[in-house]
């Protein structure tokens, strides 16, 4: 929803310039990933998986984004690559 809102907010306006060579779409996804960035150990992740109902941070990034055609388009990801699922899980 947030990505759709960003796209909607840019409708009818001049295309924003790249910043640090990243498009607005790429910066959106980089911001999403940075929000979940953390350093963890395999032991810490195992503990979290057994004791916390929430997904491990890297799966909160890679799971949703690998199911978004908008992500693949923003970064020109090719079909068959790790961050592009062959069968997209679309809930809504």
Protein backbone atom coordinates (compact mmCIF):
# COMPACT_ATOMS: atom_id res chain seq x y z
CA UNK A 1 0.00 0.00 0.00
CA UNK A 2 2.81 2.39 0.83
CA UNK A 3 4.41 1.87 -2.57
CA UNK A 4 1.08 2.45 -4.33
CA UNK A 5 0.64 5.65 -2.28
CA UNK A 6 4.09 6.85 -3.35
CA UNK A 7 3.28 6.16 -7.00
CA UNK A 8 -0.06 7.98 -6.64
CA UNK A 9 1.65 10.99 -5.05
CA UNK A 10 3.96 11.30 -8.07
CA UNK A 11 1.15 11.21 -10.66
CA UNK A 12 1.02 14.29 -12.86
CA UNK A 13 4.28 15.68 -11.50
CA UNK A 14 7.72 15.99 -13.03
CA UNK A 15 9.76 12.85 -12.57
CA UNK A 16 12.02 13.29 -9.52
CA UNK A 17 15.73 13.18 -10.25
CA UNK A 18 17.89 10.29 -9.22
CA UNK A 19 19.66 10.69 -5.90
CA UNK A 20 22.98 8.87 -5.54
CA UNK A 21 22.05 7.20 -8.85
CA UNK A 22 18.87 5.64 -7.38
CA UNK A 23 15.36 6.24 -8.72
CA UNK A 24 12.51 7.12 -6.34
CA UNK A 25 11.26 3.53 -6.62
CA UNK A 26 14.66 2.10 -5.77
CA UNK A 27 15.02 4.47 -2.82
CA UNK A 28 11.61 3.35 -1.53
CA UNK A 29 12.71 -0.28 -1.48
CA UNK A 30 16.13 0.55 -0.03
CA UNK A 31 14.37 2.44 2.76
CA UNK A 32 12.17 -0.60 3.44
CA UNK A 33 15.24 -2.82 3.70
CA UNK A 34 17.08 -0.35 5.92
CA UNK A 35 14.16 -0.22 8.32
CA UNK A 36 14.66 -3.94 9.00
CA UNK A 37 18.47 -3.99 8.87
CA UNK A 38 20.06 -5.79 11.77
CA UNK A 39 23.04 -7.89 12.63
CA UNK A 40 22.13 -11.32 13.89
CA UNK A 41 23.81 -14.63 14.52
CA UNK A 42 22.48 -18.04 13.51
CA UNK A 43 21.97 -18.75 17.21
CA UNK A 44 20.02 -15.53 17.68
CA UNK A 45 17.83 -16.27 14.68
CA UNK A 46 17.19 -19.81 15.92
CA UNK A 47 16.18 -18.43 19.32
CA UNK A 48 13.89 -15.87 17.70
CA UNK A 49 12.31 -18.48 15.44
CA UNK A 50 11.50 -20.62 18.46
CA UNK A 51 10.37 -17.87 20.82
CA UNK A 52 8.96 -14.99 18.79
CA UNK A 53 5.86 -15.14 16.56
CA UNK A 54 7.34 -12.49 14.24
CA UNK A 55 9.42 -13.34 11.20
CA UNK A 56 13.18 -12.83 11.23
CA UNK A 57 14.06 -9.40 9.80
CA UNK A 58 15.62 -10.62 6.56
CA UNK A 59 12.45 -12.54 5.74
CA UNK A 60 10.37 -9.42 6.43
CA UNK A 61 12.34 -7.80 3.60
CA UNK A 62 13.06 -10.60 1.14
CA UNK A 63 9.65 -12.28 1.45
CA UNK A 64 7.39 -9.38 0.49
CA UNK A 65 9.79 -7.74 -1.97
CA UNK A 66 10.49 -10.95 -3.88
CA UNK A 67 6.71 -11.17 -4.45
CA UNK A 68 6.42 -7.62 -5.82
CA UNK A 69 6.71 -7.13 -9.58
CA UNK A 70 7.31 -3.45 -8.79
CA UNK A 71 10.53 -4.39 -6.96
CA UNK A 72 11.75 -6.52 -9.86
CA UNK A 73 10.94 -3.69 -12.26
CA UNK A 74 12.67 -1.04 -10.14
CA UNK A 75 15.93 -2.99 -10.07
CA UNK A 76 15.57 -4.72 -13.48
CA UNK A 77 15.68 -8.15 -11.84
CA UNK A 78 15.45 -11.02 -14.29
CA UNK A 79 13.03 -13.91 -13.90
CA UNK A 80 14.67 -16.84 -12.17
CA UNK A 81 16.89 -14.71 -9.95
CA UNK A 82 16.73 -15.03 -6.15
CA UNK A 83 14.63 -11.91 -5.59
CA UNK A 84 12.06 -12.75 -8.30
CA UNK A 85 9.64 -15.55 -7.53
CA UNK A 86 8.38 -17.70 -10.37
CA UNK A 87 5.01 -17.96 -8.62
CA UNK A 88 4.05 -14.71 -6.91
CA UNK A 89 2.08 -14.91 -3.67
CA UNK A 90 -0.61 -12.25 -4.01
CA UNK A 91 -2.93 -11.91 -1.02
CA UNK A 92 -4.88 -8.73 -1.78
